[in-house]
C-alpha atoms as a PDB file:
ATOM      1  CA  UNK A   1     132.761 140.669  95.202  1.00  0.00           C
ATOM      2  CA  UNK A   2     130.699 139.160  98.005  1.00  0.00           C
ATOM      3  CA  UNK A   3     127.547 139.848  96.017  1.00  0.00           C
ATOM      4  CA  UNK A   4     128.954 138.060  92.983  1.00  0.00           C
ATOM      5  CA  UNK A   5     129.988 135.104  95.143  1.00  0.00           C
ATOM      6  CA  UNK A   6     126.448 134.551  96.409  1.00  0.00           C
ATOM      7  CA  UNK A   7     124.734 134.974  93.028  1.00  0.00           C
ATOM      8  CA  UNK A   8     125.095 131.291  91.984  1.00  0.00           C
ATOM      9  CA  UNK A   9     123.680 130.151  95.343  1.00  0.00           C
ATOM     10  CA  UNK A  10     120.718 132.505  95.060  1.00  0.00           C
ATOM     11  CA  UNK A  11     120.082 131.383  91.487  1.00  0.00           C
ATOM     12  CA  UNK A  12     120.131 127.716  92.526  1.00  0.00           C
ATOM     13  CA  UNK A  13     117.716 128.458  95.357  1.00  0.00           C
ATOM     14  CA  UNK A  14     115.283 130.232  93.033  1.00  0.00           C
ATOM     15  CA  UNK A  15     115.411 127.365  90.538  1.00  0.00           C
ATOM     16  CA  UNK A  16     114.622 124.906  93.341  1.00  0.00           C
ATOM     17  CA  UNK A  17     111.601 126.969  94.350  1.00  0.00           C
ATOM     18  CA  UNK A  18     110.360 126.937  90.751  1.00  0.00           C
ATOM     19  CA  UNK A  19     111.005 123.221  90.267  1.00  0.00           C
ATOM     20  CA  UNK A  20     109.213 122.119  93.462  1.00  0.00           C
ATOM     21  CA  UNK A  21     105.663 123.058  92.388  1.00  0.00           C
ATOM     22  CA  UNK A  22     106.337 121.503  88.986  1.00  0.00           C
ATOM     23  CA  UNK A  23     107.204 118.203  90.657  1.00  0.00           C
ATOM     24  CA  UNK A  24     104.089 118.402  92.806  1.00  0.00           C
ATOM     25  CA  UNK A  25     102.031 119.104  89.703  1.00  0.00           C
ATOM     26  CA  UNK A  26     103.569 116.101  87.919  1.00  0.00           C
ATOM     27  CA  UNK A  27     102.526 113.855  90.807  1.00  0.00           C
ATOM     28  CA  UNK A  28      99.007 115.284  90.712  1.00  0.00           C
ATOM     29  CA  UNK A  29      98.833 114.685  86.953  1.00  0.00           C
ATOM     30  CA  UNK A  30     100.003 111.097  87.419  1.00  0.00           C
ATOM     31  CA  UNK A  31      97.253 110.472  89.960  1.00  0.00           C
ATOM     32  CA  UNK A  32      94.714 112.105  87.654  1.00  0.00           C
ATOM     33  CA  UNK A  33      95.800 109.765  84.855  1.00  0.00           C
ATOM     34  CA  UNK A  34      95.176 106.697  87.034  1.00  0.00           C
ATOM     35  CA  UNK A  35      91.756 107.985  88.096  1.00  0.00           C
ATOM     36  CA  UNK A  36      88.830 107.070  85.859  1.00  0.00           C
ATOM     37  CA  UNK A  37      86.170 108.842  87.900  1.00  0.00           C
ATOM     38  CA  UNK A  38      84.362 105.512  88.275  1.00  0.00           C
ATOM     39  CA  UNK A  39      83.532 103.639  91.500  1.00  0.00           C
ATOM     40  CA  UNK A  40      86.190 101.036  90.666  1.00  0.00           C
ATOM     41  CA  UNK A  41      88.866 103.627  91.477  1.00  0.00           C
ATOM     42  CA  UNK A  42      88.095 102.903  95.119  1.00  0.00           C
ATOM     43  CA  UNK A  43      88.544  99.137  95.082  1.00  0.00           C
ATOM     44  CA  UNK A  44      91.935  97.835  94.053  1.00  0.00           C
ATOM     45  CA  UNK A  45      91.765  94.522  92.203  1.00  0.00           C
ATOM     46  CA  UNK A  46      95.493  94.028  92.621  1.00  0.00           C
ATOM     47  CA  UNK A  47      95.237  94.608  96.361  1.00  0.00           C
ATOM     48  CA  UNK A  48      92.355  92.139  96.638  1.00  0.00           C
ATOM     49  CA  UNK A  49      94.504  89.428  95.029  1.00  0.00           C
ATOM     50  CA  UNK A  50      97.371  90.055  97.445  1.00  0.00           C
ATOM     51  CA  UNK A  51      94.974  90.036 100.390  1.00  0.00           C
ATOM     52  CA  UNK A  52      93.442  86.749  99.254  1.00  0.00           C
ATOM     53  CA  UNK A  53      96.913  85.220  98.949  1.00  0.00           C
ATOM     54  CA  UNK A  54      97.650  86.067 102.606  1.00  0.00           C
ATOM     55  CA  UNK A  55      94.335  84.693 103.891  1.00  0.00           C
ATOM     56  CA  UNK A  56      93.691  81.294 105.445  1.00  0.00           C
ATOM     57  CA  UNK A  57      90.230  80.763 103.953  1.00  0.00           C
ATOM     58  CA  UNK A  58      87.370  82.608 102.212  1.00  0.00           C
ATOM     59  CA  UNK A  59      85.965  83.517 105.631  1.00  0.00           C
ATOM     60  CA  UNK A  60      89.299  84.960 106.715  1.00  0.00           C
ATOM     61  CA  UNK A  61      89.520  86.782 103.378  1.00  0.00           C
ATOM     62  CA  UNK A  62      86.152  88.471 104.010  1.00  0.00           C
ATOM     63  CA  UNK A  63      87.314  89.633 107.419  1.00  0.00           C
ATOM     64  CA  UNK A  64      90.521  91.074 105.979  1.00  0.00           C
ATOM     65  CA  UNK A  65      88.594  92.829 103.179  1.00  0.00           C
ATOM     66  CA  UNK A  66      86.506  94.656 105.746  1.00  0.00           C
ATOM     67  CA  UNK A  67      89.408  95.708 107.956  1.00  0.00           C
ATOM     68  CA  UNK A  68      90.309  99.380 107.665  1.00  0.00           C
ATOM     69  CA  UNK A  69      94.059  98.777 107.877  1.00  0.00           C
ATOM     70  CA  UNK A  70      94.050  96.478 104.828  1.00  0.00           C
ATOM     71  CA  UNK A  71      93.717  99.506 102.479  1.00  0.00           C
ATOM     72  CA  UNK A  72      91.737  97.504  99.888  1.00  0.00           C
ATOM     73  CA  UNK A  73      88.114  98.584 100.176  1.00  0.00           C
ATOM     74  CA  UNK A  74      87.325 102.301  99.859  1.00  0.00           C
ATOM     75  CA  UNK A  75      83.829 101.916  98.384  1.00  0.00           C
ATOM     76  CA  UNK A  76      80.778 103.920  99.359  1.00  0.00           C
ATOM     77  CA  UNK A  77      78.339 102.910  96.615  1.00  0.00           C
ATOM     78  CA  UNK A  78      75.188 104.044  98.443  1.00  0.00           C
ATOM     79  CA  UNK A  79      76.898 107.382  99.230  1.00  0.00           C
ATOM     80  CA  UNK A  80      75.953 107.431 102.912  1.00  0.00           C
ATOM     81  CA  UNK A  81      79.416 108.604 103.956  1.00  0.00           C
ATOM     82  CA  UNK A  82      80.437 105.170 105.260  1.00  0.00           C
ATOM     83  CA  UNK A  83      82.378 102.280 103.775  1.00  0.00           C
ATOM     84  CA  UNK A  84      80.215  99.476 102.354  1.00  0.00           C
ATOM     85  CA  UNK A  85      80.548  96.006 103.856  1.00  0.00           C
ATOM     86  CA  UNK A  86      81.915  93.503 101.312  1.00  0.00           C
ATOM     87  CA  UNK A  87      80.640  89.985 101.716  1.00  0.00           C
ATOM     88  CA  UNK A  88      82.191  86.941 100.049  1.00  0.00           C
ATOM     89  CA  UNK A  89      80.272  84.041  98.492  1.00  0.00           C
ATOM     90  CA  UNK A  90      81.829  81.009  96.844  1.00  0.00           C
ATOM     91  CA  UNK A  91      80.103  79.480  93.842  1.00  0.00           C
ATOM     92  CA  UNK A  92      81.759  76.276  92.740  1.00  0.00           C
ATOM     93  CA  UNK A  93      81.265  73.433  90.316  1.00  0.00           C
ATOM     94  CA  UNK A  94      83.690  70.536  90.166  1.00  0.00           C
ATOM     95  CA  UNK A  95      87.242  71.870  90.090  1.00  0.00           C
ATOM     96  CA  UNK A  96      86.356  75.551  89.571  1.00  0.00           C
ATOM     97  CA  UNK A  97      85.513  78.246  92.105  1.00  0.00           C
ATOM     98  CA  UNK A  98      84.043  81.724  91.641  1.00  0.00           C
ATOM     99  CA  UNK A  99      84.568  83.786  94.791  1.00  0.00           C
ATOM    100  CA  UNK A 100      82.106  86.701  94.541  1.00  0.00           C
ATOM    101  CA  UNK A 101      82.895  89.987  96.306  1.00  0.00           C
ATOM    102  CA  UNK A 102      79.603  91.782  96.875  1.00  0.00           C
ATOM    103  CA  UNK A 103      78.873  95.223  98.367  1.00  0.00           C
ATOM    104  CA  UNK A 104      75.822  95.454 100.623  1.00  0.00           C
ATOM    105  CA  UNK A 105      74.096  98.738  99.695  1.00  0.00           C
ATOM    106  CA  UNK A 106      70.688  98.536 101.327  1.00  0.00           C
ATOM    107  CA  UNK A 107      68.115  96.068 102.600  1.00  0.00           C
ATOM    108  CA  UNK A 108      67.128  95.130  99.056  1.00  0.00           C
ATOM    109  CA  UNK A 109      70.114  96.091  96.957  1.00  0.00           C
ATOM    110  CA  UNK A 110      73.603  94.634  96.488  1.00  0.00           C
ATOM    111  CA  UNK A 111      76.288  95.182  93.867  1.00  0.00           C
ATOM    112  CA  UNK A 112      78.908  92.693  92.710  1.00  0.00           C
ATOM    113  CA  UNK A 113      82.291  94.380  92.961  1.00  0.00           C
ATOM    114  CA  UNK A 114      84.500  91.640  91.537  1.00  0.00           C
ATOM    115  CA  UNK A 115      84.837  87.888  91.308  1.00  0.00           C
ATOM    116  CA  UNK A 116      87.986  85.844  91.942  1.00  0.00           C
ATOM    117  CA  UNK A 117      87.906  82.972  89.453  1.00  0.00           C
ATOM    118  CA  UNK A 118      89.989  79.869  90.123  1.00  0.00           C
ATOM    119  CA  UNK A 119      90.454  76.790  87.943  1.00  0.00           C
ATOM    120  CA  UNK A 120      92.468  73.699  88.691  1.00  0.00           C
ATOM    121  CA  UNK A 121      94.530  72.879  85.601  1.00  0.00           C
ATOM    122  CA  UNK A 122      96.436  69.827  86.831  1.00  0.00           C
ATOM    123  CA  UNK A 123      97.133  67.613  89.823  1.00  0.00           C
ATOM    124  CA  UNK A 124      99.036  70.419  91.560  1.00  0.00           C
ATOM    125  CA  UNK A 125      98.419  73.436  89.327  1.00  0.00           C
ATOM    126  CA  UNK A 126      95.749  76.136  89.310  1.00  0.00           C
ATOM    127  CA  UNK A 127      95.279  79.587  87.766  1.00  0.00           C
ATOM    128  CA  UNK A 128      93.499  82.620  89.144  1.00  0.00           C
ATOM    129  CA  UNK A 129      92.164  85.931  87.895  1.00  0.00           C
ATOM    130  CA  UNK A 130      90.016  88.613  89.455  1.00  0.00           C
ATOM    131  CA  UNK A 131      87.379  90.251  87.253  1.00  0.00           C
ATOM    132  CA  UNK A 132      86.172  93.748  88.152  1.00  0.00           C
ATOM    133  CA  UNK A 133      82.467  94.258  87.478  1.00  0.00           C
ATOM    134  CA  UNK A 134      81.647  96.473  84.510  1.00  0.00           C
ATOM    135  CA  UNK A 135      79.252  98.585  86.585  1.00  0.00           C
ATOM    136  CA  UNK A 136      82.201  99.728  88.706  1.00  0.00           C
ATOM    137  CA  UNK A 137      85.032  99.773  86.168  1.00  0.00           C
ATOM    138  CA  UNK A 138      83.207 100.776  82.988  1.00  0.00           C
ATOM    139  CA  UNK A 139      84.022  97.423  81.411  1.00  0.00           C
ATOM    140  CA  UNK A 140      85.093  94.022  82.675  1.00  0.00           C
ATOM    141  CA  UNK A 141      88.621  94.500  84.003  1.00  0.00           C
ATOM    142  CA  UNK A 142      90.962  91.558  84.555  1.00  0.00           C
ATOM    143  CA  UNK A 143      93.891  91.381  86.935  1.00  0.00           C
ATOM    144  CA  UNK A 144      96.170  88.518  87.893  1.00  0.00           C
ATOM    145  CA  UNK A 145      99.325  87.776  89.892  1.00  0.00           C
ATOM    146  CA  UNK A 146     102.588  87.485  88.016  1.00  0.00           C
ATOM    147  CA  UNK A 147     106.165  86.403  88.494  1.00  0.00           C
ATOM    148  CA  UNK A 148     109.181  87.642  86.584  1.00  0.00           C
ATOM    149  CA  UNK A 149     111.942  85.559  85.053  1.00  0.00           C
ATOM    150  CA  UNK A 150     114.809  86.640  82.830  1.00  0.00           C
ATOM    151  CA  UNK A 151     114.663  85.895  79.117  1.00  0.00           C
ATOM    152  CA  UNK A 152     117.164  86.692  76.370  1.00  0.00           C
ATOM    153  CA  UNK A 153     116.216  89.447  73.979  1.00  0.00           C
ATOM    154  CA  UNK A 154     117.842  87.483  71.140  1.00  0.00           C
ATOM    155  CA  UNK A 155     120.419  90.131  70.218  1.00  0.00           C
ATOM    156  CA  UNK A 156     123.438  88.485  71.809  1.00  0.00           C
ATOM    157  CA  UNK A 157     124.081  84.760  71.983  1.00  0.00           C
ATOM    158  CA  UNK A 158     127.173  84.740  74.202  1.00  0.00           C
ATOM    159  CA  UNK A 159     127.563  84.821  77.983  1.00  0.00           C
ATOM    160  CA  UNK A 160     127.006  88.594  77.895  1.00  0.00           C
ATOM    161  CA  UNK A 161     123.565  88.214  76.309  1.00  0.00           C
ATOM    162  CA  UNK A 162     121.117  90.815  77.550  1.00  0.00           C
ATOM    163  CA  UNK A 163     118.241  89.354  79.495  1.00  0.00           C
ATOM    164  CA  UNK A 164     114.942  91.183  79.943  1.00  0.00           C
ATOM    165  CA  UNK A 165     112.334  90.251  82.579  1.00  0.00           C
ATOM    166  CA  UNK A 166     109.281  88.362  81.335  1.00  0.00           C
ATOM    167  CA  UNK A 167     106.049  88.161  83.318  1.00  0.00           C
ATOM    168  CA  UNK A 168     104.662  84.659  83.669  1.00  0.00           C
ATOM    169  CA  UNK A 169     101.319  83.405  84.997  1.00  0.00           C
ATOM    170  CA  UNK A 170     101.494  82.221  88.616  1.00  0.00           C
ATOM    171  CA  UNK A 171     100.582  78.704  89.743  1.00  0.00           C
ATOM    172  CA  UNK A 172      98.348  79.530  92.720  1.00  0.00           C
ATOM    173  CA  UNK A 173      97.963  75.931  93.879  1.00  0.00           C
ATOM    174  CA  UNK A 174     100.511  76.591  96.644  1.00  0.00           C
ATOM    175  CA  UNK A 175      98.464  79.478  98.076  1.00  0.00           C
ATOM    176  CA  UNK A 176      96.913  78.574 101.445  1.00  0.00           C
ATOM    177  CA  UNK A 177      93.321  79.669 100.677  1.00  0.00           C
ATOM    178  CA  UNK A 178      93.364  77.782  97.349  1.00  0.00           C
ATOM    179  CA  UNK A 179      94.498  74.542  99.017  1.00  0.00           C
ATOM    180  CA  UNK A 180      91.867  75.137 101.699  1.00  0.00           C
ATOM    181  CA  UNK A 181      89.077  75.448  99.110  1.00  0.00           C
ATOM    182  CA  UNK A 182      90.138  72.269  97.279  1.00  0.00           C
ATOM    183  CA  UNK A 183      90.439  70.182 100.445  1.00  0.00           C
ATOM    184  CA  UNK A 184      87.938  67.256 100.691  1.00  0.00           C
ATOM    185  CA  UNK A 185      86.473  68.592 103.945  1.00  0.00           C
ATOM    186  CA  UNK A 186      85.856  72.112 102.602  1.00  0.00           C
ATOM    187  CA  UNK A 187      82.360  73.462 103.155  1.00  0.00           C
ATOM    188  CA  UNK A 188      81.443  76.072 100.546  1.00  0.00           C
ATOM    189  CA  UNK A 189      81.597  79.533 102.135  1.00  0.00           C
ATOM    190  CA  UNK A 190      78.537  81.781 101.823  1.00  0.00           C
ATOM    191  CA  UNK A 191      78.671  84.918 103.962  1.00  0.00           C
ATOM    192  CA  UNK A 192      75.885  85.023 106.572  1.00  0.00           C
ATOM    193  CA  UNK A 193      75.972  88.829 106.829  1.00  0.00           C
ATOM    194  CA  UNK A 194      73.506  91.233 105.249  1.00  0.00           C
ATOM    195  CA  UNK A 195      72.183  94.810 105.543  1.00  0.00           C
ATOM    196  CA  UNK A 196      71.737  95.694 109.215  1.00  0.00           C
ATOM    197  CA  UNK A 197      73.314  92.430 110.380  1.00  0.00           C
ATOM    198  CA  UNK A 198      77.096  92.617 110.515  1.00  0.00           C
ATOM    199  CA  UNK A 199      79.810  90.891 112.570  1.00  0.00           C
ATOM    200  CA  UNK A 200      80.401  92.448 115.977  1.00  0.00           C
ATOM    201  CA  UNK A 201      84.019  93.306 115.151  1.00  0.00           C
ATOM    202  CA  UNK A 202      83.119  95.451 112.117  1.00  0.00           C
ATOM    203  CA  UNK A 203      82.881  99.211 112.385  1.00  0.00           C
ATOM    204  CA  UNK A 204      82.456 101.217 109.140  1.00  0.00           C
ATOM    205  CA  UNK A 205      84.792 104.139 108.537  1.00  0.00           C
ATOM    206  CA  UNK A 206      84.647 107.175 106.307  1.00  0.00           C
ATOM    207  CA  UNK A 207      86.090 106.703 102.790  1.00  0.00           C
ATOM    208  CA  UNK A 208      89.539 108.148 102.197  1.00  0.00           C
ATOM    209  CA  UNK A 209      90.023 110.845  99.521  1.00  0.00           C
ATOM    210  CA  UNK A 210      91.243 109.538  96.163  1.00  0.00           C
ATOM    211  CA  UNK A 211      94.686 111.135  96.582  1.00  0.00           C
ATOM    212  CA  UNK A 212      95.202 109.224  99.855  1.00  0.00           C
ATOM    213  CA  UNK A 213      93.762 105.888  98.714  1.00  0.00           C
ATOM    214  CA  UNK A 214      95.716 105.988  95.437  1.00  0.00           C
ATOM    215  CA  UNK A 215      99.019 106.142  97.306  1.00  0.00           C
ATOM    216  CA  UNK A 216      98.105 103.433  99.819  1.00  0.00           C
ATOM    217  CA  UNK A 217      97.277 100.756  97.235  1.00  0.00           C
ATOM    218  CA  UNK A 218     100.177 101.513  94.886  1.00  0.00           C
ATOM    219  CA  UNK A 219     102.546  98.927  96.514  1.00  0.00           C
ATOM    220  CA  UNK A 220     100.095  96.106  95.726  1.00  0.00           C
ATOM    221  CA  UNK A 221     100.846  96.510  92.012  1.00  0.00           C
ATOM    222  CA  UNK A 222     104.360  95.107  92.455  1.00  0.00           C
ATOM    223  CA  UNK A 223     103.185  91.510  92.018  1.00  0.00           C
ATOM    224  CA  UNK A 224      99.789  91.907  90.318  1.00  0.00           C
ATOM    225  CA  UNK A 225      98.748  93.720  87.179  1.00  0.00           C
ATOM    226  CA  UNK A 226      95.783  94.465  84.946  1.00  0.00           C
ATOM    227  CA  UNK A 227      95.702  92.324  81.782  1.00  0.00           C
ATOM    228  CA  UNK A 228      93.541  92.212  78.654  1.00  0.00           C
ATOM    229  CA  UNK A 229      93.209  88.424  78.381  1.00  0.00           C
ATOM    230  CA  UNK A 230      90.515  86.447  80.181  1.00  0.00           C
ATOM    231  CA  UNK A 231      91.987  83.038  80.996  1.00  0.00           C
ATOM    232  CA  UNK A 232      89.525  81.510  83.485  1.00  0.00           C
ATOM    233  CA  UNK A 233      86.472  80.803  81.333  1.00  0.00           C
ATOM    234  CA  UNK A 234      84.915  77.804  83.112  1.00  0.00           C
ATOM    235  CA  UNK A 235      84.772  79.577  86.465  1.00  0.00           C
ATOM    236  CA  UNK A 236      83.241  82.652  84.852  1.00  0.00           C
ATOM    237  CA  UNK A 237      80.515  80.492  83.291  1.00  0.00           C
ATOM    238  CA  UNK A 238      79.641  79.264  86.792  1.00  0.00           C
ATOM    239  CA  UNK A 239      79.424  82.835  88.102  1.00  0.00           C
ATOM    240  CA  UNK A 240      77.722  84.677  85.207  1.00  0.00           C
ATOM    241  CA  UNK A 241      74.112  83.421  85.729  1.00  0.00           C
ATOM    242  CA  UNK A 242      74.189  84.648  89.330  1.00  0.00           C
ATOM    243  CA  UNK A 243      75.634  88.140  88.791  1.00  0.00           C
ATOM    244  CA  UNK A 244      73.856  90.853  90.792  1.00  0.00           C
ATOM    245  CA  UNK A 245      73.989  94.584  90.210  1.00  0.00           C
ATOM    246  CA  UNK A 246      72.434  97.820  91.373  1.00  0.00           C
ATOM    247  CA  UNK A 247      70.422  99.980  88.979  1.00  0.00           C
ATOM    248  CA  UNK A 248      71.692 103.097  90.768  1.00  0.00           C
ATOM    249  CA  UNK A 249      75.356 102.126  90.318  1.00  0.00           C
ATOM    250  CA  UNK A 250      74.798 101.055  86.703  1.00  0.00           C
ATOM    251  CA  UNK A 251      73.155 104.384  85.815  1.00  0.00           C
ATOM    252  CA  UNK A 252      75.855 106.396  87.571  1.00  0.00           C
ATOM    253  CA  UNK A 253      78.677 104.569  85.791  1.00  0.00           C
ATOM    254  CA  UNK A 254      76.992 104.732  82.387  1.00  0.00           C
ATOM    255  CA  UNK A 255      76.620 108.504  82.775  1.00  0.00           C
ATOM    256  CA  UNK A 256      80.326 108.945  83.580  1.00  0.00           C
ATOM    257  CA  UNK A 257      81.439 106.714  80.699  1.00  0.00           C
ATOM    258  CA  UNK A 258      79.312 108.651  78.201  1.00  0.00           C
ATOM    259  CA  UNK A 259      80.610 111.975  79.506  1.00  0.00           C
ATOM    260  CA  UNK A 260      84.215 110.881  79.036  1.00  0.00           C
ATOM    261  CA  UNK A 261      83.727 110.466  75.300  1.00  0.00           C
ATOM    262  CA  UNK A 262      85.297 107.924  72.923  1.00  0.00           C
ATOM    263  CA  UNK A 263      88.811 108.307  74.328  1.00  0.00           C
ATOM    264  CA  UNK A 264      87.792 108.377  77.962  1.00  0.00           C
ATOM    265  CA  UNK A 265      88.884 111.985  78.393  1.00  0.00           C
ATOM    266  CA  UNK A 266      92.047 110.820  80.139  1.00  0.00           C
ATOM    267  CA  UNK A 267      95.419 112.343  79.411  1.00  0.00           C
ATOM    268  CA  UNK A 268      98.780 111.964  81.071  1.00  0.00           C
ATOM    269  CA  UNK A 269     100.903 115.104  81.326  1.00  0.00           C
ATOM    270  CA  UNK A 270     104.644 114.903  80.786  1.00  0.00           C
ATOM    271  CA  UNK A 271     106.355 118.149  81.755  1.00  0.00           C
ATOM    272  CA  UNK A 272     109.710 119.167  80.274  1.00  0.00           C
ATOM    273  CA  UNK A 273     111.418 122.296  81.655  1.00  0.00           C
ATOM    274  CA  UNK A 274     114.306 124.086  79.924  1.00  0.00           C
ATOM    275  CA  UNK A 275     116.122 127.236  81.058  1.00  0.00           C
ATOM    276  CA  UNK A 276     118.109 129.502  78.719  1.00  0.00           C
ATOM    277  CA  UNK A 277     120.239 132.569  79.433  1.00  0.00           C
ATOM    278  CA  UNK A 278     120.862 135.630  77.269  1.00  0.00           C
ATOM    279  CA  UNK A 279     123.059 138.704  77.606  1.00  0.00           C
ATOM    280  CA  UNK A 280     120.043 140.828  78.459  1.00  0.00           C
ATOM    281  CA  UNK A 281     118.919 138.607  81.332  1.00  0.00           C
ATOM    282  CA  UNK A 282     117.659 135.148  82.053  1.00  0.00           C
ATOM    283  CA  UNK A 283     114.692 133.719  80.194  1.00  0.00           C
ATOM    284  CA  UNK A 284     112.960 130.748  81.729  1.00  0.00           C
ATOM    285  CA  UNK A 285     111.078 128.702  79.182  1.00  0.00           C
ATOM    286  CA  UNK A 286     108.735 125.984  80.398  1.00  0.00           C
ATOM    287  CA  UNK A 287     107.326 123.563  77.871  1.00  0.00           C
ATOM    288  CA  UNK A 288     104.449 121.367  78.952  1.00  0.00           C
ATOM    289  CA  UNK A 289     103.790 118.490  76.602  1.00  0.00           C
ATOM    290  CA  UNK A 290     100.582 116.581  77.240  1.00  0.00           C
ATOM    291  CA  UNK A 291     100.716 113.261  75.452  1.00  0.00           C
ATOM    292  CA  UNK A 292      98.046 110.640  75.057  1.00  0.00           C
ATOM    293  CA  UNK A 293      98.668 107.593  77.169  1.00  0.00           C
ATOM    294  CA  UNK A 294      96.667 104.453  77.727  1.00  0.00           C
ATOM    295  CA  UNK A 295      95.047 104.236  81.105  1.00  0.00           C
ATOM    296  CA  UNK A 296      94.095 101.070  82.975  1.00  0.00           C
ATOM    297  CA  UNK A 297      91.081 100.579  80.703  1.00  0.00           C
ATOM    298  CA  UNK A 298      92.939 101.419  77.501  1.00  0.00           C
ATOM    299  CA  UNK A 299      91.684 105.000  77.158  1.00  0.00           C
ATOM    300  CA  UNK A 300      93.903 107.290  75.090  1.00  0.00           C
ATOM    301  CA  UNK A 301      94.216 111.068  75.300  1.00  0.00           C
ATOM    302  CA  UNK A 302      95.566 113.740  72.928  1.00  0.00           C
ATOM    303  CA  UNK A 303      98.809 115.706  72.539  1.00  0.00           C
ATOM    304  CA  UNK A 304      99.254 119.391  73.337  1.00  0.00           C
ATOM    305  CA  UNK A 305     102.305 121.598  73.882  1.00  0.00           C
ATOM    306  CA  UNK A 306     102.296 124.899  75.800  1.00  0.00           C
ATOM    307  CA  UNK A 307     105.280 127.269  76.110  1.00  0.00           C
ATOM    308  CA  UNK A 308     105.593 129.934  78.821  1.00  0.00           C
ATOM    309  CA  UNK A 309     108.396 132.508  79.023  1.00  0.00           C
ATOM    310  CA  UNK A 310     109.388 134.668  81.999  1.00  0.00           C
ATOM    311  CA  UNK A 311     112.055 137.331  81.507  1.00  0.00           C
ATOM    312  CA  UNK A 312     114.355 137.935  84.444  1.00  0.00           C
ATOM    313  CA  UNK A 313     115.682 141.302  85.672  1.00  0.00           C
ATOM    314  CA  UNK A 314     118.677 142.839  83.909  1.00  0.00           C
ATOM    315  CA  UNK A 315     121.882 143.172  85.937  1.00  0.00           C
END
């Protein structure tokens, strides 16, 4: 009788042991889906926007970018085992600003990482987007801040109408660094630092593994997201003639993109586990369904289903 009493507990314990590695594998698959294998994996555009929002000025923004505890920059483009210094340069014309984020790779080589483009659209309104350089992200990648407001889905008209959140473009005019850059006394910021000449407070650190960095920047996506619409055209026209890139980085990225194939080689795994019992013993059946899902750059995978059966011991 005592043996029978403890059977359900033992069974639950065994199921927990089986389920734990599956959960760990799901998390690993989710991280793999978000990874493109490109350098841009190690610089979060969303995090850069949030960091800029908290800054006082472009100079302060550069200092925050190059602080290890900010968890934004994880780039080592020259592969020397140390984080690259990111310098910030403002290119402006009239009421538009293009804030260039540039990695210093060597004495004669730099690589544009991204550009924060800002346009004033009214007396007290402005829009902002950050554009990830194609040599790091495989293609130009746009990200922007957003706010959510409720909107009716149109199904119900009464007081009980269902309301779904809608993401709207943020007016960044109220951000401190934006107001600073549009002030009459503003002097255009151009970083004075270069290869071999860095601020005394900066000490490079070793890049974090992808699995660690991926988790650290995830919270920044709560208020910023990748979009497929480029809104800030005038600022981009100011920046485009001055874009700088590294031949080494360009070649490396082009090789990875070609190797991924037309769909990017990215798949997201969705694991479904079912357990059935028979009179002859327990049969555990695990079905793994791998479905194509769009990644951050729109890459789509394929669908595959695998079934594994394990027959338990007869009692």
